[in-house]
Protein backbone atom coordinates (compact mmCIF):
# COMPACT_ATOMS: atom_id res chain seq x y z
CA UNK A 1 -41.28 -136.60 104.65
CA UNK A 2 -37.99 -138.36 103.99
CA UNK A 3 -35.60 -137.06 101.36
CA UNK A 4 -33.09 -139.27 99.57
CA UNK A 5 -30.36 -137.79 97.37
CA UNK A 6 -28.14 -140.18 95.47
CA UNK A 7 -26.32 -140.50 92.13
CA UNK A 8 -28.61 -141.64 89.32
CA UNK A 9 -27.55 -145.13 88.37
CA UNK A 10 -29.66 -145.57 85.23
CA UNK A 11 -32.28 -143.39 83.51
CA UNK A 12 -33.97 -146.53 82.18
CA UNK A 13 -34.38 -147.95 85.69
CA UNK A 14 -35.92 -144.68 86.88
CA UNK A 15 -38.56 -144.56 84.12
CA UNK A 16 -41.23 -146.80 85.79
CA UNK A 17 -40.98 -144.92 89.10
CA UNK A 18 -41.18 -141.54 87.38
CA UNK A 19 -44.14 -142.50 85.21
CA UNK A 20 -45.97 -143.93 88.22
CA UNK A 21 -45.67 -140.60 90.04
CA UNK A 22 -46.69 -138.74 86.87
CA UNK A 23 -50.06 -140.44 87.13
CA UNK A 24 -50.60 -138.86 90.56
CA UNK A 25 -49.08 -135.46 89.73
CA UNK A 26 -50.01 -132.34 87.79
CA UNK A 27 -46.53 -131.49 86.59
CA UNK A 28 -47.21 -130.85 82.92
CA UNK A 29 -45.20 -131.89 79.88
CA UNK A 30 -41.74 -130.68 80.89
CA UNK A 31 -41.83 -132.75 84.08
CA UNK A 32 -43.05 -135.84 82.23
CA UNK A 33 -40.74 -138.71 81.38
CA UNK A 34 -41.37 -137.89 77.71
CA UNK A 35 -39.10 -134.83 78.22
CA UNK A 36 -37.01 -135.85 81.23
CA UNK A 37 -36.14 -139.29 79.85
CA UNK A 38 -34.39 -138.21 76.60
CA UNK A 39 -32.68 -135.36 78.44
CA UNK A 40 -31.39 -137.62 81.24
CA UNK A 41 -30.13 -140.20 78.76
CA UNK A 42 -28.06 -137.63 76.84
CA UNK A 43 -26.97 -135.19 79.56
CA UNK A 44 -23.22 -135.06 80.03
CA UNK A 45 -23.37 -133.97 83.68
CA UNK A 46 -23.47 -136.50 86.53
CA UNK A 47 -27.11 -136.60 87.68
CA UNK A 48 -28.33 -136.77 91.26
CA UNK A 49 -31.74 -138.29 91.91
CA UNK A 50 -33.86 -136.67 94.60
CA UNK A 51 -36.63 -138.90 95.93
CA UNK A 52 -39.12 -137.68 98.53
CA UNK A 53 -41.19 -140.27 100.39
CA UNK A 54 -44.28 -139.91 102.54
CA UNK A 55 -46.29 -142.64 104.26
CA UNK A 56 -44.48 -145.36 102.36
CA UNK A 57 -44.85 -143.96 98.86
CA UNK A 58 -42.83 -141.71 96.58
CA UNK A 59 -44.45 -138.26 96.45
CA UNK A 60 -41.65 -136.22 94.83
CA UNK A 61 -38.91 -136.71 92.23
CA UNK A 62 -36.29 -134.46 90.68
CA UNK A 63 -32.96 -134.74 88.90
CA UNK A 64 -30.08 -132.37 89.57
CA UNK A 65 -27.16 -132.03 87.16
CA UNK A 66 -23.82 -131.57 88.94
CA UNK A 67 -21.09 -129.39 87.49
CA UNK A 68 -18.09 -127.39 88.63
CA UNK A 69 -17.74 -123.86 87.33
CA UNK A 70 -14.56 -121.83 87.63
CA UNK A 71 -15.61 -118.25 88.19
CA UNK A 72 -13.23 -115.37 88.89
CA UNK A 73 -10.69 -117.76 90.29
CA UNK A 74 -13.25 -119.65 92.39
CA UNK A 75 -14.32 -123.26 92.08
CA UNK A 76 -18.12 -123.24 92.39
CA UNK A 77 -19.95 -126.55 92.75
CA UNK A 78 -23.37 -126.24 91.19
CA UNK A 79 -26.50 -128.36 91.05
CA UNK A 80 -28.94 -127.51 88.25
CA UNK A 81 -32.58 -128.60 88.44
CA UNK A 82 -33.24 -130.71 85.33
CA UNK A 83 -30.25 -129.06 83.70
CA UNK A 84 -26.63 -129.86 82.91
CA UNK A 85 -25.06 -126.54 83.78
CA UNK A 86 -23.75 -126.62 80.21
CA UNK A 87 -25.05 -123.71 78.14
CA UNK A 88 -25.27 -125.72 74.93
CA UNK A 89 -27.18 -128.59 76.51
CA UNK A 90 -29.47 -126.35 78.53
CA UNK A 91 -30.45 -124.59 75.29
CA UNK A 92 -32.87 -127.50 74.84
CA UNK A 93 -35.12 -125.09 76.72
CA UNK A 94 -37.01 -126.57 79.63
CA UNK A 95 -39.94 -124.41 80.79
CA UNK A 96 -42.43 -124.80 83.63
CA UNK A 97 -39.58 -126.44 85.49
CA UNK A 98 -40.00 -127.71 89.03
CA UNK A 99 -40.16 -130.82 91.18
CA UNK A 100 -42.54 -133.58 90.12
CA UNK A 101 -44.87 -133.80 93.11
CA UNK A 102 -48.02 -135.72 93.98
CA UNK A 103 -51.09 -133.54 93.49
CA UNK A 104 -52.10 -131.79 96.68
CA UNK A 105 -48.66 -132.17 98.27
CA UNK A 106 -46.69 -129.73 96.11
CA UNK A 107 -45.89 -127.23 98.87
CA UNK A 108 -44.83 -129.93 101.33
CA UNK A 109 -42.68 -131.70 98.71
CA UNK A 110 -40.90 -128.47 97.79
CA UNK A 111 -40.26 -127.62 101.44
CA UNK A 112 -38.89 -131.10 102.14
CA UNK A 113 -36.74 -131.06 99.01
CA UNK A 114 -35.15 -127.72 99.85
CA UNK A 115 -34.48 -128.74 103.42
CA UNK A 116 -32.96 -131.96 102.12
CA UNK A 117 -30.62 -129.95 99.92
CA UNK A 118 -29.61 -127.76 102.84
CA UNK A 119 -28.76 -130.82 104.90
CA UNK A 120 -26.86 -132.52 102.08
CA UNK A 121 -23.20 -133.06 102.76
CA UNK A 122 -21.32 -129.79 102.36
CA UNK A 123 -19.11 -130.67 99.33
CA UNK A 124 -22.13 -131.45 97.15
CA UNK A 125 -23.06 -127.88 96.17
CA UNK A 126 -22.30 -124.20 96.62
CA UNK A 127 -25.01 -122.95 94.29
CA UNK A 128 -28.36 -124.23 93.04
CA UNK A 129 -29.80 -123.09 89.72
CA UNK A 130 -33.09 -123.64 87.95
CA UNK A 131 -34.06 -122.52 84.46
CA UNK A 132 -37.58 -121.97 83.13
CA UNK A 133 -39.41 -121.43 86.40
CA UNK A 134 -42.93 -120.04 86.39
CA UNK A 135 -43.52 -117.39 89.12
CA UNK A 136 -45.04 -119.77 91.69
CA UNK A 137 -42.16 -122.24 91.31
CA UNK A 138 -39.60 -119.45 91.49
CA UNK A 139 -41.17 -118.33 94.78
CA UNK A 140 -40.88 -121.86 96.17
CA UNK A 141 -37.26 -122.11 95.05
CA UNK A 142 -36.41 -118.76 96.65
CA UNK A 143 -38.09 -119.89 99.89
CA UNK A 144 -34.91 -121.76 100.73
CA UNK A 145 -33.99 -118.60 102.62
CA UNK A 146 -30.51 -118.32 101.09
CA UNK A 147 -29.17 -115.40 99.04
CA UNK A 148 -30.69 -115.57 95.57
CA UNK A 149 -30.50 -113.76 92.25
CA UNK A 150 -32.28 -113.87 88.92
CA UNK A 151 -30.04 -115.16 86.17
CA UNK A 152 -32.54 -114.27 83.46
CA UNK A 153 -36.19 -113.52 82.94
CA UNK A 154 -38.41 -113.35 79.91
CA UNK A 155 -42.01 -112.48 79.22
CA UNK A 156 -44.27 -115.13 77.79
CA UNK A 157 -47.67 -115.00 76.08
CA UNK A 158 -50.58 -117.29 75.37
CA UNK A 159 -53.95 -117.44 73.64
CA UNK A 160 -56.59 -117.82 76.35
CA UNK A 161 -58.85 -120.21 74.46
CA UNK A 162 -61.08 -120.84 77.47
CA UNK A 163 -61.87 -117.12 77.74
CA UNK A 164 -62.49 -116.88 73.99
CA UNK A 165 -64.89 -119.81 74.19
CA UNK A 166 -66.79 -118.19 77.06
CA UNK A 167 -67.07 -115.04 74.93
CA UNK A 168 -68.71 -117.07 72.18
CA UNK A 169 -65.71 -117.35 69.87
CA UNK A 170 -65.85 -120.62 67.93
CA UNK A 171 -63.75 -120.23 64.77
CA UNK A 172 -60.89 -118.43 63.05
CA UNK A 173 -62.98 -115.38 62.16
CA UNK A 174 -64.02 -114.92 65.78
CA UNK A 175 -60.43 -115.29 66.97
CA UNK A 176 -59.19 -112.71 64.45
CA UNK A 177 -61.85 -110.24 65.61
CA UNK A 178 -60.34 -110.47 69.10
CA UNK A 179 -56.91 -109.36 67.85
CA UNK A 180 -55.58 -105.86 67.31
CA UNK A 181 -56.48 -104.16 64.03
CA UNK A 182 -53.01 -104.32 62.46
CA UNK A 183 -52.43 -108.00 63.28
CA UNK A 184 -55.96 -108.92 62.16
CA UNK A 185 -55.52 -107.14 58.82
CA UNK A 186 -52.11 -108.70 58.17
CA UNK A 187 -53.49 -112.20 58.74
CA UNK A 188 -56.61 -111.67 56.66
CA UNK A 189 -54.63 -110.21 53.77
CA UNK A 190 -52.18 -113.14 53.94
CA UNK A 191 -55.06 -115.62 54.01
CA UNK A 192 -56.50 -114.10 50.82
CA UNK A 193 -53.12 -114.31 49.10
CA UNK A 194 -52.61 -117.92 50.17
CA UNK A 195 -56.18 -118.86 49.17
CA UNK A 196 -55.43 -117.54 45.68
CA UNK A 197 -52.86 -120.33 45.40
CA UNK A 198 -55.38 -123.01 46.36
CA UNK A 199 -57.11 -124.48 49.41
CA UNK A 200 -55.43 -123.81 52.78
CA UNK A 201 -54.86 -126.97 54.81
CA UNK A 202 -53.55 -127.58 58.32
CA UNK A 203 -52.26 -131.13 58.84
CA UNK A 204 -51.09 -132.68 62.11
CA UNK A 205 -48.36 -135.29 62.54
CA UNK A 206 -48.75 -137.31 65.76
CA UNK A 207 -47.09 -140.67 65.02
CA UNK A 208 -43.26 -141.02 65.27
CA UNK A 209 -42.56 -141.64 61.57
CA UNK A 210 -44.66 -138.69 60.40
CA UNK A 211 -43.36 -136.47 63.19
CA UNK A 212 -39.78 -137.09 62.10
CA UNK A 213 -40.76 -136.44 58.47
CA UNK A 214 -42.30 -133.05 59.34
CA UNK A 215 -39.31 -132.31 61.60
CA UNK A 216 -36.94 -132.69 58.64
CA UNK A 217 -39.19 -130.59 56.43
CA UNK A 218 -39.14 -127.82 59.03
CA UNK A 219 -35.34 -127.83 59.37
CA UNK A 220 -34.26 -125.64 56.39
CA UNK A 221 -36.99 -123.03 56.99
CA UNK A 222 -36.22 -122.75 60.70
CA UNK A 223 -32.49 -122.49 60.06
CA UNK A 224 -32.80 -119.93 57.27
CA UNK A 225 -34.59 -117.50 59.57
CA UNK A 226 -32.22 -117.86 62.53
CA UNK A 227 -29.00 -117.99 60.52
CA UNK A 228 -30.01 -114.77 58.75
CA UNK A 229 -29.87 -113.17 62.23
CA UNK A 230 -26.44 -114.63 62.97
CA UNK A 231 -27.88 -117.23 65.36
CA UNK A 232 -27.23 -121.01 65.28
CA UNK A 233 -30.91 -121.98 65.29
CA UNK A 234 -32.26 -125.11 66.95
CA UNK A 235 -30.85 -127.43 64.30
CA UNK A 236 -27.41 -125.91 64.81
CA UNK A 237 -27.39 -127.30 68.37
CA UNK A 238 -26.42 -131.01 68.28
CA UNK A 239 -27.66 -131.83 71.79
CA UNK A 240 -31.08 -130.31 71.11
CA UNK A 241 -31.40 -132.19 67.82
CA UNK A 242 -30.45 -135.55 69.35
CA UNK A 243 -32.81 -135.02 72.28
CA UNK A 244 -35.76 -133.99 70.12
CA UNK A 245 -35.25 -136.86 67.70
CA UNK A 246 -35.32 -139.28 70.64
CA UNK A 247 -38.44 -137.60 71.96
CA UNK A 248 -40.21 -137.69 68.59
CA UNK A 249 -39.23 -141.29 67.92
CA UNK A 250 -40.93 -142.35 71.17
CA UNK A 251 -43.87 -139.91 71.04
CA UNK A 252 -47.30 -141.26 71.88
CA UNK A 253 -49.68 -138.33 71.69
CA UNK A 254 -47.81 -135.70 73.73
CA UNK A 255 -46.18 -134.02 70.73
CA UNK A 256 -47.43 -132.89 67.36
CA UNK A 257 -46.09 -130.94 64.41
CA UNK A 258 -48.61 -128.93 62.42
CA UNK A 259 -48.02 -128.20 58.73
CA UNK A 260 -49.88 -125.39 56.98
CA UNK A 261 -50.09 -125.39 53.19
CA UNK A 262 -51.83 -123.54 50.36
CA UNK A 263 -52.56 -125.24 47.06
CA UNK A 264 -50.55 -128.23 48.22
CA UNK A 265 -47.42 -126.16 48.94
CA UNK A 266 -46.39 -126.05 52.63
CA UNK A 267 -45.53 -122.67 54.12
CA UNK A 268 -45.44 -123.24 57.89
CA UNK A 269 -44.49 -125.87 60.48
CA UNK A 270 -45.28 -125.58 64.20
CA UNK A 271 -43.88 -128.05 66.75
CA UNK A 272 -46.05 -128.18 69.88
CA UNK A 273 -46.20 -130.23 73.05
CA UNK A 274 -49.58 -131.21 74.48
CA UNK A 275 -50.29 -131.49 78.18
CA UNK A 276 -53.12 -131.96 80.65
CA UNK A 277 -53.53 -129.42 83.44
CA UNK A 278 -56.23 -129.01 86.11
CA UNK A 279 -57.54 -126.00 84.16
CA UNK A 280 -57.69 -128.02 80.92
CA UNK A 281 -55.55 -129.14 78.00
CA UNK A 282 -52.77 -126.86 76.81
CA UNK A 283 -50.71 -126.76 73.62
CA UNK A 284 -47.15 -125.49 74.15
CA UNK A 285 -45.34 -123.93 71.19
CA UNK A 286 -41.76 -125.20 71.17
CA UNK A 287 -40.41 -124.17 67.76
CA UNK A 288 -41.39 -123.49 64.19
CA UNK A 289 -40.23 -123.02 60.62
CA UNK A 290 -41.83 -120.79 58.01
CA UNK A 291 -41.32 -120.35 54.28
CA UNK A 292 -40.81 -116.62 53.92
CA UNK A 293 -41.36 -115.48 50.34
CA UNK A 294 -40.29 -112.28 48.61
CA UNK A 295 -43.81 -110.86 49.04
CA UNK A 296 -43.73 -108.95 52.33
CA UNK A 297 -47.53 -109.07 52.47
CA UNK A 298 -47.34 -112.80 53.17
CA UNK A 299 -47.07 -113.58 56.89
CA UNK A 300 -46.61 -117.37 57.09
CA UNK A 301 -45.86 -117.38 60.81
CA UNK A 302 -48.89 -115.32 61.81
CA UNK A 303 -51.18 -117.35 59.55
CA UNK A 304 -49.88 -120.72 60.77
CA UNK A 305 -50.23 -119.72 64.43
CA UNK A 306 -53.74 -118.37 63.80
CA UNK A 307 -54.74 -121.67 62.17
CA UNK A 308 -53.23 -123.54 65.12
CA UNK A 309 -55.18 -121.38 67.57
CA UNK A 310 -58.40 -122.18 65.71
CA UNK A 311 -57.57 -125.89 65.77
CA UNK A 312 -57.07 -125.92 69.54
CA UNK A 313 -60.10 -123.70 70.09
CA UNK A 314 -62.30 -126.21 68.28
CA UNK A 315 -60.70 -129.14 70.11
CA UNK A 316 -61.58 -127.68 73.51
CA UNK A 317 -58.08 -126.71 74.68
CA UNK A 318 -57.83 -124.18 77.50
CA UNK A 319 -54.80 -122.38 76.08
CA UNK A 320 -52.32 -122.17 73.24
CA UNK A 321 -49.14 -121.23 75.07
CA UNK A 322 -46.30 -119.52 73.17
CA UNK A 323 -44.08 -119.94 76.27
CA UNK A 324 -40.97 -117.85 76.95
CA UNK A 325 -39.43 -115.42 74.49
CA UNK A 326 -40.24 -111.73 74.37
CA UNK A 327 -41.36 -111.47 70.76
CA UNK A 328 -43.96 -108.99 69.57
CA UNK A 329 -45.87 -111.53 67.47
CA UNK A 330 -46.62 -113.57 70.61
CA UNK A 331 -48.15 -110.61 72.38
CA UNK A 332 -50.04 -109.62 69.21
CA UNK A 333 -51.59 -113.07 68.92
CA UNK A 334 -52.47 -113.51 72.59
CA UNK A 335 -52.17 -112.04 76.06
CA UNK A 336 -49.07 -111.69 78.20
CA UNK A 337 -48.02 -114.11 80.90
CA UNK A 338 -46.66 -115.88 82.72
CA UNK A 339 -43.10 -114.62 83.16
CA UNK A 340 -40.34 -117.24 82.98
CA UNK A 341 -37.42 -116.96 85.38
CA UNK A 342 -33.96 -118.49 85.77
CA UNK A 343 -32.93 -118.38 89.42
CA UNK A 344 -29.84 -119.17 91.49
CA UNK A 345 -29.47 -119.55 95.25
CA UNK A 346 -26.12 -119.90 96.97
CA UNK A 347 -24.67 -120.94 100.27
CA UNK A 348 -23.23 -118.21 102.46
CA UNK A 349 -19.58 -118.55 101.55
CA UNK A 350 -17.25 -115.60 101.90
CA UNK A 351 -15.93 -115.76 98.32
CA UNK A 352 -19.44 -116.08 96.89
CA UNK A 353 -20.57 -113.12 98.98
CA UNK A 354 -17.65 -111.10 97.66
CA UNK A 355 -18.48 -112.11 94.09
CA UNK A 356 -22.10 -111.02 94.56
CA UNK A 357 -21.01 -107.68 96.00
CA UNK A 358 -18.74 -107.14 92.98
CA UNK A 359 -21.57 -108.08 90.61
CA UNK A 360 -23.93 -105.58 92.24
CA UNK A 361 -21.26 -102.90 92.16
CA UNK A 362 -20.70 -103.46 88.45
CA UNK A 363 -24.45 -103.40 87.77
CA UNK A 364 -24.79 -100.11 89.67
CA UNK A 365 -21.89 -98.60 87.70
CA UNK A 366 -23.41 -99.77 84.41
CA UNK A 367 -26.79 -98.27 85.36
CA UNK A 368 -25.16 -94.98 86.30
CA UNK A 369 -23.36 -94.81 82.95
CA UNK A 370 -26.59 -95.60 81.10
CA UNK A 371 -28.42 -92.86 83.01
CA UNK A 372 -25.67 -90.38 82.16
CA UNK A 373 -25.81 -91.35 78.48
CA UNK A 374 -29.58 -90.97 78.55
CA UNK A 375 -29.33 -87.45 79.91
CA UNK A 376 -26.85 -86.53 77.16
CA UNK A 377 -29.15 -88.00 74.49
CA UNK A 378 -32.05 -85.94 75.79
CA UNK A 379 -30.09 -82.78 74.91
CA UNK A 380 -29.61 -83.78 71.24
CA UNK A 381 -31.86 -81.79 68.84
CA UNK A 382 -35.07 -83.62 67.88
CA UNK A 383 -34.09 -83.69 64.17
CA UNK A 384 -31.08 -85.88 64.97
CA UNK A 385 -33.03 -87.99 67.44
CA UNK A 386 -35.73 -88.70 64.86
CA UNK A 387 -33.14 -89.79 62.32
CA UNK A 388 -31.69 -92.22 64.85
CA UNK A 389 -35.11 -93.65 65.51
CA UNK A 390 -35.80 -94.19 61.79
CA UNK A 391 -32.45 -95.89 61.20
CA UNK A 392 -32.59 -98.07 64.33
């Protein structure tokens, strides 16, 4: 396989080549041009196009964002896989990241790509990073054989709709029976309260104009929840908003926003991406907004997600994937997995080796202090410990 690495001249010119390979690949939504295109158009970092060819055809494509990071007095040249290296821009949140590869040639494409990066001219990079890697892609990335470290990791969860279908589950009641007692009771109680207001309806926006309408409706409810926690929320991130509005304006069936209502009054919005995988169709939960009322018995998020799960169950989807983010409600509504990983590999440079040694030393010191604090806490009388637990 031949590997070409060159500056990206124009995202628009790349689109036909990328979409052509998509038709022969199993990369999923985040490696489709529907996601990559808006991101590439808006990314501030210079982008490098990696093209892998085999027997006269393109079998692999990837974009690497180039940035220079000043770290502890060092100038570190970094390439980020489908990322900018800018924290604000990368908050757009790519998951299931990887290299778009022709089906059946994934392992060979990854091996060629990594070898191509190793042979790239020395000034191009000191460190490679990739966000949102599933375990199998993280293993391929680490196979470069260079020193590596995990930048972050998070548990994910999903509703295994295929397994539910095999077990004979066909509707919302069957899905709720498969959940834990507490979650099941909270949802059923909320459903009764919402039904008292009028019929419960789940609508789906799929066309650009309606998608953008639902997107704006979702905005205040999403922001209210996150801002109450001192977080900026998705709509407080300009790059994310611009990128998603581009994506929604060009959507053609790969994105939908669900709106749940009771008695004609909306109470939940769920923004999902839809993708085809060898194991079946999957719905990927990207973000949501929920109208939280004063009544704590109402659980708009749980109800909206349960209605979405029923929708995808009836439509024959294999999974409703909540993706990364270690939140209890995700695990309560589904099963755990897969883990999402952010990974970095670096060249063997003396200063980078010294930095890594210092990082490990600091981590060991921090762990030792935590262990010491834990031992001290264990000696505190149970009455005080219980009070701390209640007030936590």
